[in-house]
Amino acid sequence: MWLGAFGPDIGNLTLMTWCLRDREMFLDLLQELGGSRMHYNFQRIGGVKRDIPIGFADRMKAKIKLFENRINEYEMLLDESTIWLVRLQGVGYATAEDQINAGVTGPNIRAAGVNTDARWTNPYSVYDQVDWEPAVEKPTSVKGADCYDRYRVRMEEMRQSCRMLLDAIEKIPGGANTHYQPEDEMILTKAPTRAPEGATGFI
């Protein structure tokens, strides 16, 4: 969505509709996984809500492959647009030193050539178990990173996210299509034996 929202700011309204179209693919997957398109409610302390559905991994891989092709299309269309380049290149210079002094993090500082990422230096979740490296861009000017450099980092981050997902799905214990029934009753799904009878059923 960062790219979709970026488009209208630069004068490319069509880009928003393309990105919304592609977002739908992943919202469908997340809805299949957790039951909701926005608030996924899937993770639990010590694990997740349930196993992923049978065939989910194959559907995810197919959509990621399609999205990777779309990233290439976006990049080709945008990088060949004179308007896009004029409005990004040479705009918003920020040196690595200035950004460090200001406490800037994330893709902004990586666009200035600083190789840092909290997921890399202080990994959590499964970031230390998947194959990835921070997306870092060498600034195109001695004045520092401009808006185009930051755009380049974000584009690479989307590719990187695709690779991380494909790697993670292969590393699910037991395989993506193997269902696991926990023995610990404390983490089993609880359900009432009968429905409440009127308002007094909730007392």
C-alpha atoms as a PDB file:
ATOM      1  CA  MET A   1       0.000   0.000   0.000  1.00  0.00           C
ATOM      2  CA  TRP A   2       2.961   2.346   0.405  1.00  0.00           C
ATOM      3  CA  LEU A   3       3.405   2.295  -3.373  1.00  0.00           C
ATOM      4  CA  GLY A   4      -0.307   2.728  -4.047  1.00  0.00           C
ATOM      5  CA  ALA A   5      -0.508   5.754  -1.753  1.00  0.00           C
ATOM      6  CA  PHE A   6       2.727   7.125  -3.202  1.00  0.00           C
ATOM      7  CA  GLY A   7       1.378   7.153  -6.762  1.00  0.00           C
ATOM      8  CA  PRO A   8      -1.294   9.880  -6.411  1.00  0.00           C
ATOM      9  CA  ASP A   9       1.166  12.075  -4.513  1.00  0.00           C
ATOM     10  CA  ILE A  10       3.466  11.959  -7.538  1.00  0.00           C
ATOM     11  CA  GLY A  11       0.650  12.327 -10.066  1.00  0.00           C
ATOM     12  CA  ASN A  12       0.046   8.669 -10.956  1.00  0.00           C
ATOM     13  CA  LEU A  13      -3.536   7.846  -9.952  1.00  0.00           C
ATOM     14  CA  THR A  14      -3.612   4.526 -11.811  1.00  0.00           C
ATOM     15  CA  LEU A  15      -0.901   3.108  -9.575  1.00  0.00           C
ATOM     16  CA  MET A  16      -3.259   3.140  -6.591  1.00  0.00           C
ATOM     17  CA  THR A  17      -5.827   0.959  -8.376  1.00  0.00           C
ATOM     18  CA  TRP A  18      -3.159  -1.532  -9.443  1.00  0.00           C
ATOM     19  CA  CYS A  19      -1.851  -1.842  -5.905  1.00  0.00           C
ATOM     20  CA  LEU A  20      -5.349  -2.245  -4.477  1.00  0.00           C
ATOM     21  CA  ARG A  21      -5.905  -5.039  -6.988  1.00  0.00           C
ATOM     22  CA  ASP A  22      -2.762  -6.834  -5.844  1.00  0.00           C
ATOM     23  CA  ARG A  23      -3.545  -6.283  -2.173  1.00  0.00           C
ATOM     24  CA  GLU A  24      -6.762  -8.250  -2.663  1.00  0.00           C
ATOM     25  CA  MET A  25      -4.755 -11.396  -3.398  1.00  0.00           C
ATOM     26  CA  PHE A  26      -3.082 -11.285  -0.019  1.00  0.00           C
ATOM     27  CA  LEU A  27      -6.186 -10.193   1.879  1.00  0.00           C
ATOM     28  CA  ASP A  28      -7.909 -13.282   0.491  1.00  0.00           C
ATOM     29  CA  LEU A  29      -5.077 -15.436   1.820  1.00  0.00           C
ATOM     30  CA  LEU A  30      -5.166 -13.766   5.228  1.00  0.00           C
ATOM     31  CA  GLN A  31      -8.930 -14.166   5.431  1.00  0.00           C
ATOM     32  CA  GLU A  32      -8.562 -17.853   4.626  1.00  0.00           C
ATOM     33  CA  LEU A  33      -5.934 -18.151   7.332  1.00  0.00           C
ATOM     34  CA  GLY A  34      -7.458 -16.197  10.208  1.00  0.00           C
ATOM     35  CA  GLY A  35     -11.059 -15.519   9.228  1.00  0.00           C
ATOM     36  CA  SER A  36     -10.722 -11.748   8.808  1.00  0.00           C
ATOM     37  CA  ARG A  37      -9.406  -9.533   6.039  1.00  0.00           C
ATOM     38  CA  MET A  38      -7.960  -6.821   8.273  1.00  0.00           C
ATOM     39  CA  HIS A  39      -7.659  -8.032  11.871  1.00  0.00           C
ATOM     40  CA  TYR A  40      -6.190 -11.466  11.349  1.00  0.00           C
ATOM     41  CA  ASN A  41      -6.386 -12.701  14.959  1.00  0.00           C
ATOM     42  CA  PHE A  42      -4.166 -15.660  14.063  1.00  0.00           C
ATOM     43  CA  GLN A  43      -1.163 -15.564  16.379  1.00  0.00           C
ATOM     44  CA  ARG A  44      -1.375 -16.888  19.914  1.00  0.00           C
ATOM     45  CA  ILE A  45       1.055 -16.968  22.829  1.00  0.00           C
ATOM     46  CA  GLY A  46       3.261 -19.923  22.037  1.00  0.00           C
ATOM     47  CA  GLY A  47       2.045 -20.385  18.479  1.00  0.00           C
ATOM     48  CA  VAL A  48      -0.908 -19.739  16.209  1.00  0.00           C
ATOM     49  CA  LYS A  49      -4.681 -20.126  16.245  1.00  0.00           C
ATOM     50  CA  ARG A  50      -4.819 -23.198  14.021  1.00  0.00           C
ATOM     51  CA  ASP A  51      -2.933 -25.052  11.308  1.00  0.00           C
ATOM     52  CA  ILE A  52      -2.947 -23.515   7.868  1.00  0.00           C
ATOM     53  CA  PRO A  53      -5.600 -24.972   5.540  1.00  0.00           C
ATOM     54  CA  ILE A  54      -4.685 -27.832   3.234  1.00  0.00           C
ATOM     55  CA  GLY A  55      -3.458 -26.415  -0.077  1.00  0.00           C
ATOM     56  CA  PHE A  56      -2.842 -22.957   1.396  1.00  0.00           C
ATOM     57  CA  ALA A  57       0.906 -23.154   0.745  1.00  0.00           C
ATOM     58  CA  ASP A  58       0.410 -23.843  -2.963  1.00  0.00           C
ATOM     59  CA  ARG A  59      -2.094 -21.009  -3.316  1.00  0.00           C
ATOM     60  CA  MET A  60       0.260 -18.660  -1.497  1.00  0.00           C
ATOM     61  CA  LYS A  61       3.214 -19.608  -3.701  1.00  0.00           C
ATOM     62  CA  ALA A  62       1.176 -19.012  -6.860  1.00  0.00           C
ATOM     63  CA  LYS A  63       0.081 -15.548  -5.702  1.00  0.00           C
ATOM     64  CA  ILE A  64       3.591 -14.609  -4.629  1.00  0.00           C
ATOM     65  CA  LYS A  65       4.944 -15.627  -8.038  1.00  0.00           C
ATOM     66  CA  LEU A  66       2.310 -13.445  -9.695  1.00  0.00           C
ATOM     67  CA  PHE A  67       3.108 -10.543  -7.375  1.00  0.00           C
ATOM     68  CA  GLU A  68       6.845 -10.811  -8.092  1.00  0.00           C
ATOM     69  CA  ASN A  69       6.043 -10.392 -11.782  1.00  0.00           C
ATOM     70  CA  ARG A  70       3.855  -7.410 -10.945  1.00  0.00           C
ATOM     71  CA  ILE A  71       6.726  -5.772  -9.027  1.00  0.00           C
ATOM     72  CA  ASN A  72       8.855  -6.051 -12.166  1.00  0.00           C
ATOM     73  CA  GLU A  73       6.052  -4.478 -14.204  1.00  0.00           C
ATOM     74  CA  TYR A  74       5.661  -1.604 -11.757  1.00  0.00           C
ATOM     75  CA  GLU A  75       9.380  -0.981 -11.757  1.00  0.00           C
ATOM     76  CA  MET A  76       9.590  -0.975 -15.547  1.00  0.00           C
ATOM     77  CA  LEU A  77       6.654   1.407 -15.915  1.00  0.00           C
ATOM     78  CA  LEU A  78       7.763   3.795 -13.182  1.00  0.00           C
ATOM     79  CA  ASP A  79      11.471   3.901 -13.972  1.00  0.00           C
ATOM     80  CA  GLU A  80      10.679   4.732 -17.592  1.00  0.00           C
ATOM     81  CA  SER A  81       8.368   7.583 -16.597  1.00  0.00           C
ATOM     82  CA  THR A  82      10.014  10.984 -16.949  1.00  0.00           C
ATOM     83  CA  ILE A  83       7.477  12.540 -14.578  1.00  0.00           C
ATOM     84  CA  TRP A  84       8.180   9.884 -11.944  1.00  0.00           C
ATOM     85  CA  LEU A  85      11.941  10.381 -12.144  1.00  0.00           C
ATOM     86  CA  VAL A  86      11.799  14.192 -12.169  1.00  0.00           C
ATOM     87  CA  ARG A  87       9.637  14.219  -9.049  1.00  0.00           C
ATOM     88  CA  LEU A  88      11.823  11.755  -7.123  1.00  0.00           C
ATOM     89  CA  GLN A  89      15.431  12.236  -8.171  1.00  0.00           C
ATOM     90  CA  GLY A  90      17.232  15.062  -6.429  1.00  0.00           C
ATOM     91  CA  VAL A  91      14.338  15.628  -4.024  1.00  0.00           C
ATOM     92  CA  GLY A  92      14.548  15.275  -0.243  1.00  0.00           C
ATOM     93  CA  TYR A  93      18.259  14.730   0.241  1.00  0.00           C
ATOM     94  CA  ALA A  94      19.274  13.309   3.628  1.00  0.00           C
ATOM     95  CA  THR A  95      22.784  12.117   4.482  1.00  0.00           C
ATOM     96  CA  ALA A  96      23.457   9.055   6.585  1.00  0.00           C
ATOM     97  CA  GLU A  97      25.012  11.222   9.309  1.00  0.00           C
ATOM     98  CA  ASP A  98      22.004  13.532   9.489  1.00  0.00           C
ATOM     99  CA  GLN A  99      19.626  10.599   9.687  1.00  0.00           C
ATOM    100  CA  ILE A 100      21.621   8.875  12.417  1.00  0.00           C
ATOM    101  CA  ASN A 101      21.671  12.099  14.440  1.00  0.00           C
ATOM    102  CA  ALA A 102      17.909  12.456  13.985  1.00  0.00           C
ATOM    103  CA  GLY A 103      17.225   8.862  15.022  1.00  0.00           C
ATOM    104  CA  VAL A 104      15.879   7.822  11.631  1.00  0.00           C
ATOM    105  CA  THR A 105      15.425   4.074  11.108  1.00  0.00           C
ATOM    106  CA  GLY A 106      13.958   1.688   8.571  1.00  0.00           C
ATOM    107  CA  PRO A 107      14.096   2.042   4.784  1.00  0.00           C
ATOM    108  CA  ASN A 108      14.876   5.759   5.000  1.00  0.00           C
ATOM    109  CA  ILE A 109      18.272   5.260   6.608  1.00  0.00           C
ATOM    110  CA  ARG A 110      19.006   2.133   4.566  1.00  0.00           C
ATOM    111  CA  ALA A 111      18.508   4.249   1.438  1.00  0.00           C
ATOM    112  CA  ALA A 112      21.458   6.320   2.647  1.00  0.00           C
ATOM    113  CA  GLY A 113      23.669   3.231   2.675  1.00  0.00           C
ATOM    114  CA  VAL A 114      23.444   2.363   6.386  1.00  0.00           C
ATOM    115  CA  ASN A 115      23.160  -1.410   6.781  1.00  0.00           C
ATOM    116  CA  THR A 116      20.823  -1.668   9.755  1.00  0.00           C
ATOM    117  CA  ASP A 117      17.513  -3.373  10.439  1.00  0.00           C
ATOM    118  CA  ALA A 118      15.993  -4.192  13.833  1.00  0.00           C
ATOM    119  CA  ARG A 119      14.830  -7.555  12.493  1.00  0.00           C
ATOM    120  CA  TRP A 120      18.450  -8.302  11.584  1.00  0.00           C
ATOM    121  CA  THR A 121      20.360  -6.875  14.547  1.00  0.00           C
ATOM    122  CA  ASN A 122      17.801  -7.949  17.174  1.00  0.00           C
ATOM    123  CA  PRO A 123      15.784 -10.736  15.519  1.00  0.00           C
ATOM    124  CA  TYR A 124      12.418 -11.781  16.899  1.00  0.00           C
ATOM    125  CA  SER A 125       9.708 -14.191  15.759  1.00  0.00           C
ATOM    126  CA  VAL A 126      11.332 -16.315  13.002  1.00  0.00           C
ATOM    127  CA  TYR A 127      13.487 -13.623  11.384  1.00  0.00           C
ATOM    128  CA  ASP A 128      16.635 -15.465  12.476  1.00  0.00           C
ATOM    129  CA  GLN A 129      15.400 -18.671  10.828  1.00  0.00           C
ATOM    130  CA  VAL A 130      14.697 -17.406   7.319  1.00  0.00           C
ATOM    131  CA  ASP A 131      17.242 -16.469   4.671  1.00  0.00           C
ATOM    132  CA  TRP A 132      17.353 -12.701   4.160  1.00  0.00           C
ATOM    133  CA  GLU A 133      19.506  -9.597   4.429  1.00  0.00           C
ATOM    134  CA  PRO A 134      18.576  -5.924   4.910  1.00  0.00           C
ATOM    135  CA  ALA A 135      17.772  -4.073   1.688  1.00  0.00           C
ATOM    136  CA  VAL A 136      20.371  -1.303   1.440  1.00  0.00           C
ATOM    137  CA  GLU A 137      20.756   1.236  -1.371  1.00  0.00           C
ATOM    138  CA  LYS A 138      23.881   3.209  -2.202  1.00  0.00           C
ATOM    139  CA  PRO A 139      22.883   6.893  -2.523  1.00  0.00           C
ATOM    140  CA  THR A 140      23.014   8.221  -6.077  1.00  0.00           C
ATOM    141  CA  SER A 141      24.408  11.567  -4.889  1.00  0.00           C
ATOM    142  CA  VAL A 142      27.088  12.746  -2.481  1.00  0.00           C
ATOM    143  CA  LYS A 143      24.372  14.954  -0.984  1.00  0.00           C
ATOM    144  CA  GLY A 144      22.740  11.865   0.494  1.00  0.00           C
ATOM    145  CA  ALA A 145      19.721   9.706  -0.221  1.00  0.00           C
ATOM    146  CA  ASP A 146      16.870  11.223  -2.197  1.00  0.00           C
ATOM    147  CA  CYS A 147      13.266  10.121  -2.683  1.00  0.00           C
ATOM    148  CA  TYR A 148      14.278   7.863  -5.561  1.00  0.00           C
ATOM    149  CA  ASP A 149      16.787   6.000  -3.386  1.00  0.00           C
ATOM    150  CA  ARG A 150      14.103   5.450  -0.763  1.00  0.00           C
ATOM    151  CA  TYR A 151      11.721   4.194  -3.434  1.00  0.00           C
ATOM    152  CA  ARG A 152      14.379   1.728  -4.610  1.00  0.00           C
ATOM    153  CA  VAL A 153      14.804   0.322  -1.097  1.00  0.00           C
ATOM    154  CA  ARG A 154      11.065  -0.149  -0.668  1.00  0.00           C
ATOM    155  CA  MET A 155      10.792  -1.957  -3.998  1.00  0.00           C
ATOM    156  CA  GLU A 156      13.579  -4.331  -2.975  1.00  0.00           C
ATOM    157  CA  GLU A 157      11.870  -4.866   0.384  1.00  0.00           C
ATOM    158  CA  MET A 158       8.774  -6.157  -1.412  1.00  0.00           C
ATOM    159  CA  ARG A 159      10.875  -8.680  -3.308  1.00  0.00           C
ATOM    160  CA  GLN A 160      12.610  -9.580  -0.080  1.00  0.00           C
ATOM    161  CA  SER A 161       9.281 -10.147   1.677  1.00  0.00           C
ATOM    162  CA  CYS A 162       8.268 -12.547  -1.076  1.00  0.00           C
ATOM    163  CA  ARG A 163      11.489 -14.525  -0.662  1.00  0.00           C
ATOM    164  CA  MET A 164      11.092 -14.619   3.111  1.00  0.00           C
ATOM    165  CA  LEU A 165       7.543 -15.948   2.852  1.00  0.00           C
ATOM    166  CA  LEU A 166       8.562 -18.652   0.405  1.00  0.00           C
ATOM    167  CA  ASP A 167      11.433 -19.672   2.680  1.00  0.00           C
ATOM    168  CA  ALA A 168       9.264 -19.632   5.813  1.00  0.00           C
ATOM    169  CA  ILE A 169       6.497 -21.765   4.303  1.00  0.00           C
ATOM    170  CA  GLU A 170       9.052 -24.480   3.532  1.00  0.00           C
ATOM    171  CA  LYS A 171      10.300 -24.450   7.123  1.00  0.00           C
ATOM    172  CA  ILE A 172       6.975 -25.065   8.865  1.00  0.00           C
ATOM    173  CA  PRO A 173       7.607 -27.982  11.266  1.00  0.00           C
ATOM    174  CA  GLY A 174       6.187 -31.150   9.759  1.00  0.00           C
ATOM    175  CA  GLY A 175       5.435 -29.447   6.463  1.00  0.00           C
ATOM    176  CA  ALA A 176       2.816 -26.958   5.348  1.00  0.00           C
ATOM    177  CA  ASN A 177       0.146 -29.633   4.800  1.00  0.00           C
ATOM    178  CA  THR A 178       0.704 -31.552   8.049  1.00  0.00           C
ATOM    179  CA  HIS A 179      -1.864 -30.935  10.764  1.00  0.00           C
ATOM    180  CA  TYR A 180      -0.797 -31.068  14.395  1.00  0.00           C
ATOM    181  CA  GLN A 181      -3.013 -31.697  17.409  1.00  0.00           C
ATOM    182  CA  PRO A 182      -1.480 -30.316  20.622  1.00  0.00           C
ATOM    183  CA  GLU A 183      -1.627 -32.498  23.720  1.00  0.00           C
ATOM    184  CA  ASP A 184      -1.655 -29.577  26.140  1.00  0.00           C
ATOM    185  CA  GLU A 185      -5.306 -28.975  27.053  1.00  0.00           C
ATOM    186  CA  MET A 186      -4.535 -25.380  28.000  1.00  0.00           C
ATOM    187  CA  ILE A 187      -4.031 -24.432  24.350  1.00  0.00           C
ATOM    188  CA  LEU A 188      -6.831 -26.505  22.865  1.00  0.00           C
ATOM    189  CA  THR A 189      -9.843 -24.669  21.483  1.00  0.00           C
ATOM    190  CA  LYS A 190     -12.574 -24.316  24.088  1.00  0.00           C
ATOM    191  CA  ALA A 191     -16.253 -24.545  23.132  1.00  0.00           C
ATOM    192  CA  PRO A 192     -19.480 -24.555  25.176  1.00  0.00           C
ATOM    193  CA  THR A 193     -21.398 -27.823  25.417  1.00  0.00           C
ATOM    194  CA  ARG A 194     -24.727 -26.014  24.866  1.00  0.00           C
ATOM    195  CA  ALA A 195     -25.937 -22.583  23.873  1.00  0.00           C
ATOM    196  CA  PRO A 196     -27.018 -20.102  26.585  1.00  0.00           C
ATOM    197  CA  GLU A 197     -30.745 -19.972  27.335  1.00  0.00           C
ATOM    198  CA  GLY A 198     -31.880 -16.360  27.149  1.00  0.00           C
ATOM    199  CA  ALA A 199     -30.325 -13.473  29.051  1.00  0.00           C
ATOM    200  CA  THR A 200     -29.854 -15.580  32.192  1.00  0.00           C
ATOM    201  CA  GLY A 201     -27.601 -17.902  30.289  1.00  0.00           C
ATOM    202  CA  PHE A 202     -24.846 -15.299  30.453  1.00  0.00           C
ATOM    203  CA  ILE A 203     -24.998 -14.840  34.247  1.00  0.00           C
END
